[in-house]
């Protein structure tokens, strides 16, 4: 049987998969453009993608391809965003468990 908790879980997992894939692709494209002196993707765009749920995928990608690793805004900012996301997820789960028994 379908219930709202199961549906929300599937939606969240799908969202995180999609936003993570987009974050990886955008990070790689920005790295390629940096190497070839092309038009760059705004740093704010990268940070927004991270805040929308792509923080883990983006951070791992940046480490693997050595992109933005010397910028504190990214090396501290993306893990900070991830920590806030985990804290928010814990709070939401606690509230949902209390509300739905």
C-alpha atoms as a PDB file:
ATOM      1  CA  UNK A   1       0.000   0.000   0.000  1.00  0.00           C
ATOM      2  CA  UNK A   2       1.164   3.518  -0.739  1.00  0.00           C
ATOM      3  CA  UNK A   3       1.546   5.962   2.090  1.00  0.00           C
ATOM      4  CA  UNK A   4       2.801   9.513   2.145  1.00  0.00           C
ATOM      5  CA  UNK A   5       6.046   8.583   3.906  1.00  0.00           C
ATOM      6  CA  UNK A   6       7.004   6.058   1.228  1.00  0.00           C
ATOM      7  CA  UNK A   7       6.110   8.448  -1.570  1.00  0.00           C
ATOM      8  CA  UNK A   8       8.151  11.266   0.020  1.00  0.00           C
ATOM      9  CA  UNK A   9      11.109   8.926   0.463  1.00  0.00           C
ATOM     10  CA  UNK A  10      11.058   7.934  -3.213  1.00  0.00           C
ATOM     11  CA  UNK A  11      10.687  11.564  -4.322  1.00  0.00           C
ATOM     12  CA  UNK A  12      13.612  12.674  -2.125  1.00  0.00           C
ATOM     13  CA  UNK A  13      15.857   9.844  -3.331  1.00  0.00           C
ATOM     14  CA  UNK A  14      15.034  10.633  -6.976  1.00  0.00           C
ATOM     15  CA  UNK A  15      15.648  14.355  -6.387  1.00  0.00           C
ATOM     16  CA  UNK A  16      19.024  13.691  -4.765  1.00  0.00           C
ATOM     17  CA  UNK A  17      20.039  11.361  -7.597  1.00  0.00           C
ATOM     18  CA  UNK A  18      19.124  13.909 -10.274  1.00  0.00           C
ATOM     19  CA  UNK A  19      20.631  16.951  -8.537  1.00  0.00           C
ATOM     20  CA  UNK A  20      23.794  14.971  -7.769  1.00  0.00           C
ATOM     21  CA  UNK A  21      24.162  13.975 -11.421  1.00  0.00           C
ATOM     22  CA  UNK A  22      23.598  17.577 -12.540  1.00  0.00           C
ATOM     23  CA  UNK A  23      26.138  18.789  -9.962  1.00  0.00           C
ATOM     24  CA  UNK A  24      28.772  16.344 -11.203  1.00  0.00           C
ATOM     25  CA  UNK A  25      28.199  17.291 -14.847  1.00  0.00           C
ATOM     26  CA  UNK A  26      28.271  21.043 -14.165  1.00  0.00           C
ATOM     27  CA  UNK A  27      31.441  20.711 -12.078  1.00  0.00           C
ATOM     28  CA  UNK A  28      33.195  18.735 -14.814  1.00  0.00           C
ATOM     29  CA  UNK A  29      32.059  21.208 -17.486  1.00  0.00           C
ATOM     30  CA  UNK A  30      33.404  24.104 -15.411  1.00  0.00           C
ATOM     31  CA  UNK A  31      36.739  22.318 -14.992  1.00  0.00           C
ATOM     32  CA  UNK A  32      36.975  21.688 -18.734  1.00  0.00           C
ATOM     33  CA  UNK A  33      36.167  25.323 -19.462  1.00  0.00           C
ATOM     34  CA  UNK A  34      38.810  26.422 -16.955  1.00  0.00           C
ATOM     35  CA  UNK A  35      41.440  24.230 -18.630  1.00  0.00           C
ATOM     36  CA  UNK A  36      40.555  25.563 -22.078  1.00  0.00           C
ATOM     37  CA  UNK A  37      40.085  29.203 -20.960  1.00  0.00           C
ATOM     38  CA  UNK A  38      36.428  29.129 -21.906  1.00  0.00           C
ATOM     39  CA  UNK A  39      33.375  30.828 -20.477  1.00  0.00           C
ATOM     40  CA  UNK A  40      33.014  29.699 -16.861  1.00  0.00           C
ATOM     41  CA  UNK A  41      30.056  28.680 -14.752  1.00  0.00           C
ATOM     42  CA  UNK A  42      29.353  31.135 -11.939  1.00  0.00           C
ATOM     43  CA  UNK A  43      30.552  30.099  -8.504  1.00  0.00           C
ATOM     44  CA  UNK A  44      27.108  30.967  -7.172  1.00  0.00           C
ATOM     45  CA  UNK A  45      25.586  28.404  -9.543  1.00  0.00           C
ATOM     46  CA  UNK A  46      27.903  25.714  -8.182  1.00  0.00           C
ATOM     47  CA  UNK A  47      27.029  26.637  -4.601  1.00  0.00           C
ATOM     48  CA  UNK A  48      23.291  26.694  -5.354  1.00  0.00           C
ATOM     49  CA  UNK A  49      23.498  23.201  -6.851  1.00  0.00           C
ATOM     50  CA  UNK A  50      25.290  22.107  -3.715  1.00  0.00           C
ATOM     51  CA  UNK A  51      22.606  23.665  -1.513  1.00  0.00           C
ATOM     52  CA  UNK A  52      19.863  21.996  -3.542  1.00  0.00           C
ATOM     53  CA  UNK A  53      21.225  18.588  -2.595  1.00  0.00           C
ATOM     54  CA  UNK A  54      24.277  18.003  -4.741  1.00  0.00           C
ATOM     55  CA  UNK A  55      26.820  18.781  -2.028  1.00  0.00           C
ATOM     56  CA  UNK A  56      28.270  15.294  -1.572  1.00  0.00           C
ATOM     57  CA  UNK A  57      28.528  14.539  -5.282  1.00  0.00           C
ATOM     58  CA  UNK A  58      30.005  17.953  -6.038  1.00  0.00           C
ATOM     59  CA  UNK A  59      32.574  17.760  -3.241  1.00  0.00           C
ATOM     60  CA  UNK A  60      33.713  14.291  -4.286  1.00  0.00           C
ATOM     61  CA  UNK A  61      33.884  15.364  -7.936  1.00  0.00           C
ATOM     62  CA  UNK A  62      35.914  18.458  -7.053  1.00  0.00           C
ATOM     63  CA  UNK A  63      38.388  16.300  -5.144  1.00  0.00           C
ATOM     64  CA  UNK A  64      38.697  13.730  -7.936  1.00  0.00           C
ATOM     65  CA  UNK A  65      39.208  16.253 -10.744  1.00  0.00           C
ATOM     66  CA  UNK A  66      41.122  18.748  -8.551  1.00  0.00           C
ATOM     67  CA  UNK A  67      38.736  21.608  -9.236  1.00  0.00           C
ATOM     68  CA  UNK A  68      38.220  24.540  -6.853  1.00  0.00           C
ATOM     69  CA  UNK A  69      40.239  22.690  -4.215  1.00  0.00           C
ATOM     70  CA  UNK A  70      42.266  25.799  -3.332  1.00  0.00           C
ATOM     71  CA  UNK A  71      39.167  27.927  -2.752  1.00  0.00           C
ATOM     72  CA  UNK A  72      38.069  27.976   0.877  1.00  0.00           C
ATOM     73  CA  UNK A  73      34.598  29.026  -0.227  1.00  0.00           C
ATOM     74  CA  UNK A  74      34.198  25.556  -1.707  1.00  0.00           C
ATOM     75  CA  UNK A  75      36.379  23.389   0.514  1.00  0.00           C
ATOM     76  CA  UNK A  76      34.694  24.702   3.676  1.00  0.00           C
ATOM     77  CA  UNK A  77      31.396  25.887   2.232  1.00  0.00           C
ATOM     78  CA  UNK A  78      30.255  22.657   0.598  1.00  0.00           C
ATOM     79  CA  UNK A  79      30.947  20.485   3.679  1.00  0.00           C
ATOM     80  CA  UNK A  80      29.165  23.125   5.796  1.00  0.00           C
ATOM     81  CA  UNK A  81      26.171  22.953   3.462  1.00  0.00           C
ATOM     82  CA  UNK A  82      26.212  19.148   3.761  1.00  0.00           C
ATOM     83  CA  UNK A  83      26.285  19.310   7.568  1.00  0.00           C
ATOM     84  CA  UNK A  84      23.315  21.697   7.540  1.00  0.00           C
ATOM     85  CA  UNK A  85      21.471  19.380   5.150  1.00  0.00           C
ATOM     86  CA  UNK A  86      22.058  16.382   7.421  1.00  0.00           C
ATOM     87  CA  UNK A  87      20.914  18.364  10.466  1.00  0.00           C
ATOM     88  CA  UNK A  88      17.767  19.463   8.624  1.00  0.00           C
ATOM     89  CA  UNK A  89      17.090  15.878   7.515  1.00  0.00           C
ATOM     90  CA  UNK A  90      17.416  14.626  11.102  1.00  0.00           C
ATOM     91  CA  UNK A  91      15.019  17.292  12.367  1.00  0.00           C
ATOM     92  CA  UNK A  92      12.516  16.536   9.583  1.00  0.00           C
ATOM     93  CA  UNK A  93      12.710  12.787  10.301  1.00  0.00           C
ATOM     94  CA  UNK A  94      12.162  13.362  14.017  1.00  0.00           C
ATOM     95  CA  UNK A  95       9.203  15.639  13.369  1.00  0.00           C
ATOM     96  CA  UNK A  96       7.707  13.230  10.834  1.00  0.00           C
ATOM     97  CA  UNK A  97       8.129  10.247  13.171  1.00  0.00           C
ATOM     98  CA  UNK A  98       6.435  12.134  15.998  1.00  0.00           C
ATOM     99  CA  UNK A  99       3.634  13.391  13.763  1.00  0.00           C
ATOM    100  CA  UNK A 100       2.926  10.031  12.115  1.00  0.00           C
ATOM    101  CA  UNK A 101       3.635   7.780  15.091  1.00  0.00           C
END
